[in-house]
Amino acid sequence: LIWSYGVCFLTPPALSNNKRRYTSERKVSSTAIKSASSSIVDKAASSPSSTIAVSDSAKARVFLDAALKGNSTAASSLLEEVRDMRKKNQTELVATYLNDLLIASVEAPLPWWSRIRPLARVSRRARRRSLRRVLDMSTPQVPEETDDQTSALRRQRLALTILLQSLANIEEEGTKLPAIRSLEKKARQESRRVVARDDIVKRIPEGLETPKYDVLQGTTTGFEIRRYQPFSVCSVNMAKPREQREKTDAKISNPQLAGASAFGALAGYIFGKNEESTSMKMTTPVFSEGEGEERQMSFVMPSTFWEELQGAPTPLSGSGVTLTQKPGEERAVVMFGGFAGKADVEAKTKQLLAELEKNSAWSADAEAVVNLAQYNDPFTPPWKRRNELSVKVVQSSS
């Protein structure tokens, strides 16, 4: 404590200015969270079935600090509170609960020395600083023109839920670092390095069918030439408006995320909103390709329909869902982790095409478009995600 007060006295002017700017930025975010939470609490107060004890707020923050240090039971308890509220359909109280935890990480300015990462072993404030950094790296991004404060808060709550799930399982990894620093290290490594092929191929969710292929060429950095076997997809245009979403779409918890409407239409079809009311098993990955008005999203159909689509459930009128068989073909693929934001996709597309330029045996098909495949659900942390960009290739004439 003496050392802490001493260095606070000796903060240089430049650091003081940075601190004031940082404090101002955090106040804006904190005010938004408090405003959203107050509105929700006011609504909940009028409903006798929706109550939450004032003491729960303080308890939750204590549990959060314990979870950041490495207490997986504390993280599990926080998640259990959220699950219980969701079971009771207390959606707005879930938002309040998570907003309050976010206030703990974004409201008060932290001392400059909390940026010194090794101090997270002994300092609660340094661990909260680490939490801020991980939230910044783990919050899904959307195009600026479609973003707003409400959307930003939803995405922050999603990122926090993802982190709590990771903190609840941290003991399995046997790390000696504070839990939040261990997660931060993984997130930073994911953003800075090329993920090894042997690591990323293991990131397919268990029990889900995925198109079959053979690797014809490969590197340790995730670039491959594959020969795919035939499979089928259900697809929907991501730009065309659809007037009967309530009838055809599955409900999406984060509708502001990019592609949420198209995802809802496809999930609705797969889970039984079709003419036969037939529910099918979920598969992986989710494909998206094209630009502008031609951009579309696709789900892989269950393998029962890979050979032929006869017998597949009929999409509802107005859903925009179409069924297509994909022929066997060769594709060049580059694998990577993270949330596959716009900047990531652009950078990896350049890498994919650059790898093909160097390849003497294969070249991109002249009319082919680059296809994005995402294998994991939205609650998978970025350092455990698998994404792929691919393009159809033909053998070079040489």
Protein backbone atom coordinates (compact mmCIF):
# COMPACT_ATOMS: atom_id res chain seq x y z
CA LEU A 1 0.00 0.00 0.00
CA ILE A 2 2.85 2.41 0.83
CA TRP A 3 4.45 1.62 -2.53
CA SER A 4 1.14 2.12 -4.30
CA TYR A 5 0.50 5.52 -2.74
CA GLY A 6 4.11 6.50 -3.44
CA VAL A 7 3.94 5.85 -7.16
CA CYS A 8 0.59 7.58 -7.39
CA PHE A 9 2.27 10.73 -6.06
CA LEU A 10 4.99 10.44 -8.71
CA THR A 11 2.71 9.91 -11.75
CA PRO A 12 4.29 11.91 -14.64
CA PRO A 13 2.16 14.59 -16.40
CA ALA A 14 1.88 12.49 -19.58
CA LEU A 15 0.46 9.59 -17.62
CA SER A 16 -1.94 11.89 -15.83
CA ASN A 17 -3.28 13.17 -19.15
CA ASN A 18 -3.69 9.61 -20.43
CA LYS A 19 -5.47 8.71 -17.23
CA ARG A 20 -7.93 11.60 -17.61
CA ARG A 21 -8.65 10.65 -21.24
CA TYR A 22 -9.07 6.98 -20.29
CA THR A 23 -11.35 7.92 -17.37
CA SER A 24 -13.54 10.02 -19.69
CA GLU A 25 -13.89 7.14 -22.17
CA ARG A 26 -14.80 4.71 -19.40
CA LYS A 27 -17.40 7.09 -17.92
CA VAL A 28 -19.31 7.13 -21.19
CA SER A 29 -19.44 3.35 -21.28
CA SER A 30 -20.31 3.09 -17.59
CA THR A 31 -23.12 5.65 -17.90
CA ALA A 32 -24.66 3.67 -20.75
CA ILE A 33 -24.56 0.47 -18.71
CA LYS A 34 -26.05 2.13 -15.62
CA SER A 35 -28.82 3.73 -17.67
CA ALA A 36 -29.74 0.41 -19.28
CA SER A 37 -29.70 -1.39 -15.93
CA SER A 38 -31.83 1.28 -14.17
CA SER A 39 -34.47 1.05 -16.88
CA ILE A 40 -34.62 -2.72 -16.57
CA VAL A 41 -34.77 -2.63 -12.76
CA ASP A 42 -37.67 -0.13 -12.93
CA LYS A 43 -39.60 -2.53 -15.17
CA ALA A 44 -38.80 -5.51 -12.97
CA ALA A 45 -40.02 -3.69 -9.86
CA SER A 46 -43.52 -3.59 -11.27
CA SER A 47 -43.62 -7.38 -11.65
CA PRO A 48 -43.94 -9.47 -8.46
CA SER A 49 -42.45 -12.51 -10.21
CA SER A 50 -39.23 -10.67 -11.12
CA THR A 51 -37.19 -9.78 -8.05
CA ILE A 52 -33.51 -9.73 -7.28
CA ALA A 53 -31.94 -9.02 -3.90
CA VAL A 54 -29.78 -5.90 -3.59
CA SER A 55 -27.13 -7.99 -1.83
CA ASP A 56 -26.78 -10.15 -4.96
CA SER A 57 -24.99 -7.28 -6.72
CA ALA A 58 -22.23 -7.05 -4.11
CA LYS A 59 -21.95 -10.83 -3.91
CA ALA A 60 -21.65 -11.13 -7.66
CA ARG A 61 -18.73 -8.68 -7.75
CA VAL A 62 -16.92 -10.60 -5.03
CA PHE A 63 -17.46 -13.81 -6.99
CA LEU A 64 -16.19 -12.11 -10.14
CA ASP A 65 -12.95 -11.09 -8.43
CA ALA A 66 -12.51 -14.64 -7.14
CA ALA A 67 -13.12 -16.03 -10.62
CA LEU A 68 -10.52 -13.68 -12.14
CA LYS A 69 -7.98 -14.98 -9.65
CA GLY A 70 -8.68 -18.64 -10.45
CA ASN A 71 -11.67 -19.83 -8.44
CA SER A 72 -13.59 -21.82 -11.04
CA THR A 73 -16.40 -22.52 -8.55
CA ALA A 74 -17.06 -18.77 -8.28
CA ALA A 75 -17.30 -18.49 -12.07
CA SER A 76 -19.65 -21.49 -12.18
CA SER A 77 -21.85 -19.87 -9.50
CA LEU A 78 -22.18 -16.70 -11.56
CA LEU A 79 -23.15 -18.71 -14.62
CA GLU A 80 -25.67 -20.69 -12.58
CA GLU A 81 -27.33 -17.45 -11.46
CA VAL A 82 -27.68 -16.45 -15.12
CA ARG A 83 -29.05 -19.88 -16.09
CA ASP A 84 -31.63 -19.78 -13.28
CA MET A 85 -32.89 -16.36 -14.41
CA ARG A 86 -33.11 -17.53 -18.02
CA LYS A 87 -35.08 -20.62 -16.98
CA LYS A 88 -37.58 -18.26 -15.36
CA ASN A 89 -37.67 -16.14 -18.56
CA GLN A 90 -36.23 -13.17 -16.64
CA THR A 91 -34.39 -11.91 -19.71
CA GLU A 92 -34.23 -8.31 -18.56
CA LEU A 93 -32.85 -9.27 -15.16
CA VAL A 94 -30.13 -11.31 -16.88
CA ALA A 95 -29.13 -8.11 -18.68
CA THR A 96 -29.12 -6.19 -15.37
CA TYR A 97 -27.02 -8.86 -13.67
CA LEU A 98 -24.41 -8.91 -16.44
CA ASN A 99 -24.44 -5.12 -16.74
CA ASP A 100 -23.58 -4.86 -13.07
CA LEU A 101 -20.60 -7.15 -13.57
CA LEU A 102 -19.53 -5.01 -16.51
CA ILE A 103 -19.70 -1.89 -14.33
CA ALA A 104 -17.15 -3.57 -12.07
CA SER A 105 -14.75 -3.71 -15.00
CA VAL A 106 -15.42 -0.40 -16.77
CA GLU A 107 -16.69 2.14 -14.21
CA ALA A 108 -13.85 3.30 -11.97
CA PRO A 109 -10.49 4.38 -13.42
CA LEU A 110 -7.67 2.06 -12.41
CA PRO A 111 -4.18 3.24 -11.38
CA TRP A 112 -1.61 3.32 -14.17
CA TRP A 113 0.49 0.62 -12.50
CA SER A 114 -2.36 -1.87 -12.96
CA ARG A 115 -1.18 -2.04 -16.60
CA ILE A 116 1.91 -3.94 -15.40
CA ARG A 117 0.80 -7.46 -16.23
CA PRO A 118 2.86 -9.45 -13.68
CA LEU A 119 1.09 -7.56 -10.86
CA ALA A 120 -2.06 -9.55 -11.65
CA ARG A 121 -0.59 -12.30 -9.43
CA VAL A 122 -1.03 -10.10 -6.34
CA SER A 123 -3.33 -7.22 -7.31
CA ARG A 124 -7.11 -7.31 -7.73
CA ARG A 125 -7.00 -4.08 -9.75
CA ALA A 126 -4.38 -5.48 -12.11
CA ARG A 127 -6.65 -8.49 -12.69
CA ARG A 128 -9.56 -6.18 -13.48
CA ARG A 129 -7.33 -4.34 -15.94
CA SER A 130 -6.60 -7.70 -17.54
CA LEU A 131 -10.35 -8.36 -17.70
CA ARG A 132 -10.83 -5.09 -19.61
CA ARG A 133 -8.20 -6.08 -22.15
CA VAL A 134 -9.69 -9.54 -22.66
CA LEU A 135 -13.19 -8.09 -23.06
CA ASP A 136 -11.85 -5.74 -25.73
CA MET A 137 -10.31 -8.68 -27.60
CA SER A 138 -13.32 -10.98 -27.07
CA THR A 139 -16.25 -8.71 -27.95
CA PRO A 140 -17.65 -9.53 -31.42
CA GLN A 141 -17.43 -6.60 -33.82
CA VAL A 142 -20.11 -5.35 -36.21
CA PRO A 143 -19.91 -2.76 -39.00
CA GLU A 144 -19.97 0.79 -37.58
CA GLU A 145 -22.99 1.78 -39.66
CA THR A 146 -25.12 -0.93 -37.99
CA ASP A 147 -23.81 -0.43 -34.45
CA ASP A 148 -25.41 1.50 -31.57
CA GLN A 149 -25.05 1.68 -27.80
CA THR A 150 -27.67 -0.98 -27.13
CA SER A 151 -26.00 -3.35 -29.57
CA ALA A 152 -22.59 -2.68 -28.04
CA LEU A 153 -23.90 -3.57 -24.57
CA ARG A 154 -25.42 -6.82 -25.84
CA ARG A 155 -22.10 -7.80 -27.41
CA GLN A 156 -20.22 -6.93 -24.21
CA ARG A 157 -22.60 -9.14 -22.22
CA LEU A 158 -22.00 -11.94 -24.71
CA ALA A 159 -18.23 -11.52 -24.34
CA LEU A 160 -18.52 -11.57 -20.54
CA THR A 161 -20.61 -14.76 -20.62
CA ILE A 162 -18.00 -16.39 -22.86
CA LEU A 163 -15.26 -15.41 -20.41
CA LEU A 164 -17.18 -16.74 -17.42
CA GLN A 165 -17.55 -20.09 -19.17
CA SER A 166 -13.80 -20.15 -19.82
CA LEU A 167 -13.04 -19.17 -16.22
CA ALA A 168 -15.31 -21.95 -14.98
CA ASN A 169 -13.16 -24.50 -16.85
CA ILE A 170 -9.78 -22.94 -16.12
CA GLU A 171 -8.67 -25.63 -13.62
CA GLU A 172 -8.63 -28.23 -16.39
CA GLU A 173 -5.74 -26.36 -18.02
CA GLY A 174 -3.45 -26.55 -14.98
CA THR A 175 -2.04 -23.02 -15.32
CA LYS A 176 -0.14 -21.25 -12.52
CA LEU A 177 -1.06 -17.79 -13.75
CA PRO A 178 -4.14 -15.99 -12.41
CA ALA A 179 -7.05 -17.28 -14.48
CA ILE A 180 -7.77 -14.01 -16.29
CA ARG A 181 -4.09 -13.57 -17.21
CA SER A 182 -4.01 -17.09 -18.61
CA LEU A 183 -6.99 -16.27 -20.84
CA GLU A 184 -5.46 -12.94 -21.84
CA LYS A 185 -2.24 -14.68 -22.85
CA LYS A 186 -4.17 -17.08 -25.08
CA ALA A 187 -6.19 -14.26 -26.64
CA ARG A 188 -3.04 -12.27 -27.40
CA GLN A 189 -1.30 -15.28 -28.88
CA GLU A 190 -4.32 -15.97 -31.08
CA SER A 191 -4.31 -12.43 -32.43
CA ARG A 192 -0.56 -12.26 -33.08
CA ARG A 193 0.50 -15.59 -34.50
CA VAL A 194 -0.43 -17.98 -37.27
CA VAL A 195 -2.31 -20.84 -35.63
CA ALA A 196 -0.68 -24.23 -36.17
CA ARG A 197 -2.72 -26.64 -38.26
CA ASP A 198 -2.59 -29.42 -35.65
CA ASP A 199 -4.12 -27.04 -33.13
CA ILE A 200 -6.91 -25.56 -35.22
CA VAL A 201 -8.19 -28.81 -36.78
CA LYS A 202 -9.22 -29.94 -33.28
CA ARG A 203 -11.62 -27.03 -32.87
CA ILE A 204 -14.64 -28.64 -34.56
CA PRO A 205 -17.54 -29.06 -32.09
CA GLU A 206 -18.00 -32.69 -31.08
CA GLY A 207 -20.92 -34.66 -32.48
CA LEU A 208 -21.70 -32.36 -35.43
CA GLU A 209 -21.53 -33.55 -39.03
CA THR A 210 -19.27 -31.63 -41.40
CA PRO A 211 -18.46 -32.05 -45.11
CA LYS A 212 -15.88 -34.76 -45.82
CA TYR A 213 -12.64 -34.09 -47.66
CA ASP A 214 -9.13 -35.38 -48.31
CA VAL A 215 -6.05 -33.18 -47.95
CA LEU A 216 -4.02 -33.17 -51.18
CA GLN A 217 -1.44 -30.60 -50.04
CA GLY A 218 -0.87 -28.96 -46.70
CA THR A 219 1.41 -26.80 -44.58
CA THR A 220 1.88 -26.48 -40.82
CA THR A 221 0.45 -22.93 -40.90
CA GLY A 222 -3.08 -23.90 -41.96
CA PHE A 223 -2.98 -23.64 -45.78
CA GLU A 224 -4.33 -26.71 -47.58
CA ILE A 225 -5.54 -28.00 -50.93
CA ARG A 226 -8.57 -30.25 -50.29
CA ARG A 227 -10.73 -32.54 -52.40
CA TYR A 228 -14.31 -32.35 -51.10
CA GLN A 229 -16.92 -35.04 -51.45
CA PRO A 230 -20.44 -33.93 -52.51
CA PHE A 231 -22.75 -32.48 -49.85
CA SER A 232 -25.91 -30.35 -49.68
CA VAL A 233 -26.71 -26.98 -48.14
CA CYS A 234 -29.71 -24.83 -47.30
CA SER A 235 -29.10 -21.16 -48.12
CA VAL A 236 -30.67 -17.72 -47.78
CA ASN A 237 -29.84 -14.34 -49.29
CA MET A 238 -28.48 -12.01 -46.59
CA ALA A 239 -29.60 -8.80 -48.33
CA LYS A 240 -33.16 -9.46 -49.51
CA PRO A 241 -35.91 -8.44 -47.04
CA ARG A 242 -38.30 -11.12 -45.79
CA GLU A 243 -41.76 -10.12 -44.57
CA GLN A 244 -42.77 -13.13 -42.46
CA ARG A 245 -39.82 -13.58 -40.11
CA GLU A 246 -42.02 -14.33 -37.09
CA LYS A 247 -43.45 -17.32 -38.95
CA THR A 248 -40.26 -18.63 -40.57
CA ASP A 249 -37.29 -17.65 -38.36
CA ALA A 250 -35.85 -19.02 -35.15
CA LYS A 251 -35.43 -16.44 -32.37
CA ILE A 252 -31.89 -15.05 -32.17
CA SER A 253 -30.49 -13.81 -28.82
CA ASN A 254 -28.20 -11.20 -30.44
CA PRO A 255 -30.14 -9.84 -33.45
CA GLN A 256 -27.68 -6.95 -33.98
CA LEU A 257 -24.81 -9.27 -34.89
CA ALA A 258 -23.90 -9.39 -38.55
CA GLY A 259 -25.89 -12.05 -40.39
CA ALA A 260 -28.31 -12.65 -37.50
CA SER A 261 -31.43 -12.42 -39.71
CA ALA A 262 -30.11 -14.94 -42.24
CA PHE A 263 -28.98 -17.22 -39.42
CA GLY A 264 -32.47 -17.07 -37.91
CA ALA A 265 -34.08 -18.09 -41.21
CA LEU A 266 -31.76 -21.09 -41.64
CA ALA A 267 -32.01 -22.13 -37.98
CA GLY A 268 -35.80 -21.93 -38.25
CA TYR A 269 -35.77 -24.27 -41.27
CA ILE A 270 -33.37 -26.76 -39.62
CA PHE A 271 -35.24 -26.82 -36.30
CA GLY A 272 -38.68 -27.49 -37.74
CA LYS A 273 -40.12 -24.34 -39.31
CA ASN A 274 -40.67 -26.08 -42.64
CA GLU A 275 -43.71 -27.51 -44.44
CA GLU A 276 -43.31 -30.93 -42.81
CA SER A 277 -42.47 -29.50 -39.34
CA THR A 278 -39.42 -31.78 -39.39
CA SER A 279 -36.55 -30.97 -37.05
CA MET A 280 -33.04 -31.90 -38.21
CA LYS A 281 -29.68 -32.16 -36.46
CA MET A 282 -27.41 -29.13 -36.45
CA THR A 283 -24.25 -29.37 -38.54
CA THR A 284 -21.08 -27.32 -39.05
CA PRO A 285 -19.73 -25.05 -40.50
CA VAL A 286 -21.86 -22.05 -41.40
CA PHE A 287 -20.85 -20.74 -44.86
CA SER A 288 -21.12 -17.20 -46.19
CA GLU A 289 -20.03 -15.89 -49.57
CA GLY A 290 -20.64 -13.18 -52.14
CA GLU A 291 -20.89 -9.39 -51.87
CA GLY A 292 -23.68 -6.84 -51.57
CA GLU A 293 -27.06 -8.02 -52.82
CA GLU A 294 -25.59 -11.39 -53.82
CA ARG A 295 -24.24 -12.27 -50.37
CA GLN A 296 -25.70 -15.45 -48.92
CA MET A 297 -25.39 -17.68 -45.86
CA SER A 298 -25.61 -21.49 -45.92
CA PHE A 299 -25.98 -24.34 -43.42
CA VAL A 300 -24.76 -27.84 -44.25
CA MET A 301 -27.67 -30.27 -44.52
CA PRO A 302 -27.53 -33.57 -42.56
CA SER A 303 -25.65 -36.31 -44.46
CA THR A 304 -28.97 -38.10 -45.17
CA PHE A 305 -29.48 -35.53 -47.94
CA TRP A 306 -25.94 -35.32 -49.32
CA GLU A 307 -26.49 -37.81 -52.14
CA GLU A 308 -29.86 -36.37 -53.17
CA LEU A 309 -32.27 -33.75 -51.83
CA GLN A 310 -35.37 -35.82 -52.48
CA GLY A 311 -37.15 -36.23 -49.17
CA ALA A 312 -35.62 -33.12 -47.59
CA PRO A 313 -38.14 -30.91 -45.75
CA THR A 314 -39.68 -28.18 -47.91
CA PRO A 315 -38.83 -24.58 -46.87
CA LEU A 316 -41.79 -22.41 -45.88
CA SER A 317 -43.02 -19.87 -48.41
CA GLY A 318 -41.51 -16.48 -47.62
CA SER A 319 -38.54 -17.89 -45.68
CA GLY A 320 -36.14 -17.26 -48.57
CA VAL A 321 -34.50 -20.64 -47.90
CA THR A 322 -33.31 -22.67 -50.92
CA LEU A 323 -31.75 -26.14 -51.08
CA THR A 324 -28.67 -26.88 -53.20
CA GLN A 325 -26.38 -29.85 -53.84
CA LYS A 326 -22.68 -29.07 -53.87
CA PRO A 327 -20.58 -31.20 -56.24
CA GLY A 328 -17.27 -32.72 -55.27
CA GLU A 329 -14.45 -30.26 -56.01
CA GLU A 330 -10.95 -29.14 -55.06
CA ARG A 331 -10.57 -26.04 -52.89
CA ALA A 332 -7.66 -24.06 -51.46
CA VAL A 333 -8.21 -23.33 -47.77
CA VAL A 334 -6.59 -21.18 -45.09
CA MET A 335 -7.58 -21.79 -41.44
CA PHE A 336 -7.53 -19.20 -38.63
CA GLY A 337 -9.01 -18.46 -35.20
CA GLY A 338 -10.86 -15.50 -33.68
CA PHE A 339 -14.28 -14.03 -34.55
CA ALA A 340 -13.60 -13.62 -38.30
CA GLY A 341 -14.26 -9.89 -38.34
CA LYS A 342 -14.05 -7.84 -41.52
CA ALA A 343 -10.36 -6.96 -41.06
CA ASP A 344 -9.46 -10.60 -40.31
CA VAL A 345 -11.29 -11.85 -43.41
CA GLU A 346 -9.61 -9.27 -45.64
CA ALA A 347 -6.14 -10.14 -44.30
CA LYS A 348 -6.68 -13.90 -44.58
CA THR A 349 -8.11 -13.57 -48.09
CA LYS A 350 -4.88 -11.87 -49.15
CA GLN A 351 -2.91 -14.68 -47.49
CA LEU A 352 -4.99 -17.33 -49.28
CA LEU A 353 -4.48 -15.77 -52.71
CA ALA A 354 -0.78 -15.17 -52.00
CA GLU A 355 -0.31 -18.86 -51.12
CA LEU A 356 -1.97 -19.83 -54.41
CA GLU A 357 0.29 -17.46 -56.34
CA LYS A 358 3.27 -19.42 -55.02
CA ASN A 359 1.68 -22.80 -55.74
CA SER A 360 2.85 -24.32 -59.01
CA ALA A 361 0.32 -27.18 -59.04
CA TRP A 362 -2.98 -25.35 -58.35
CA SER A 363 -4.54 -22.00 -59.24
CA ALA A 364 -7.82 -20.27 -58.37
CA ASP A 365 -10.77 -20.91 -60.69
CA ALA A 366 -11.32 -17.76 -62.75
CA GLU A 367 -15.02 -17.46 -61.77
CA ALA A 368 -14.74 -18.67 -58.17
CA VAL A 369 -15.61 -16.53 -55.13
CA VAL A 370 -13.99 -16.76 -51.71
CA ASN A 371 -16.09 -18.63 -49.16
CA LEU A 372 -16.01 -18.09 -45.36
CA ALA A 373 -16.69 -21.08 -43.07
CA GLN A 374 -17.28 -20.63 -39.32
CA TYR A 375 -17.41 -23.79 -37.20
CA ASN A 376 -18.30 -22.65 -33.67
CA ASP A 377 -21.27 -21.22 -31.81
CA PRO A 378 -21.24 -17.57 -30.64
CA PHE A 379 -20.32 -18.57 -27.07
CA THR A 380 -16.99 -20.14 -28.06
CA PRO A 381 -14.04 -17.91 -27.03
CA PRO A 382 -11.97 -16.53 -29.91
CA TRP A 383 -8.92 -18.61 -28.97
CA LYS A 384 -10.94 -21.82 -29.43
CA ARG A 385 -12.66 -20.90 -32.67
CA ARG A 386 -12.06 -22.35 -36.14
CA ASN A 387 -12.67 -20.34 -39.29
CA GLU A 388 -11.71 -21.04 -42.88
CA LEU A 389 -11.52 -19.08 -46.11
CA SER A 390 -11.55 -21.15 -49.27
CA VAL A 391 -11.74 -20.81 -53.04
CA LYS A 392 -12.31 -23.36 -55.80
CA VAL A 393 -9.08 -24.35 -57.57
CA VAL A 394 -8.05 -26.15 -60.73
CA GLN A 395 -4.81 -27.86 -61.58
CA SER A 396 -2.32 -25.58 -63.30
CA SER A 397 -1.66 -26.37 -66.96
CA SER A 398 2.07 -26.55 -66.22
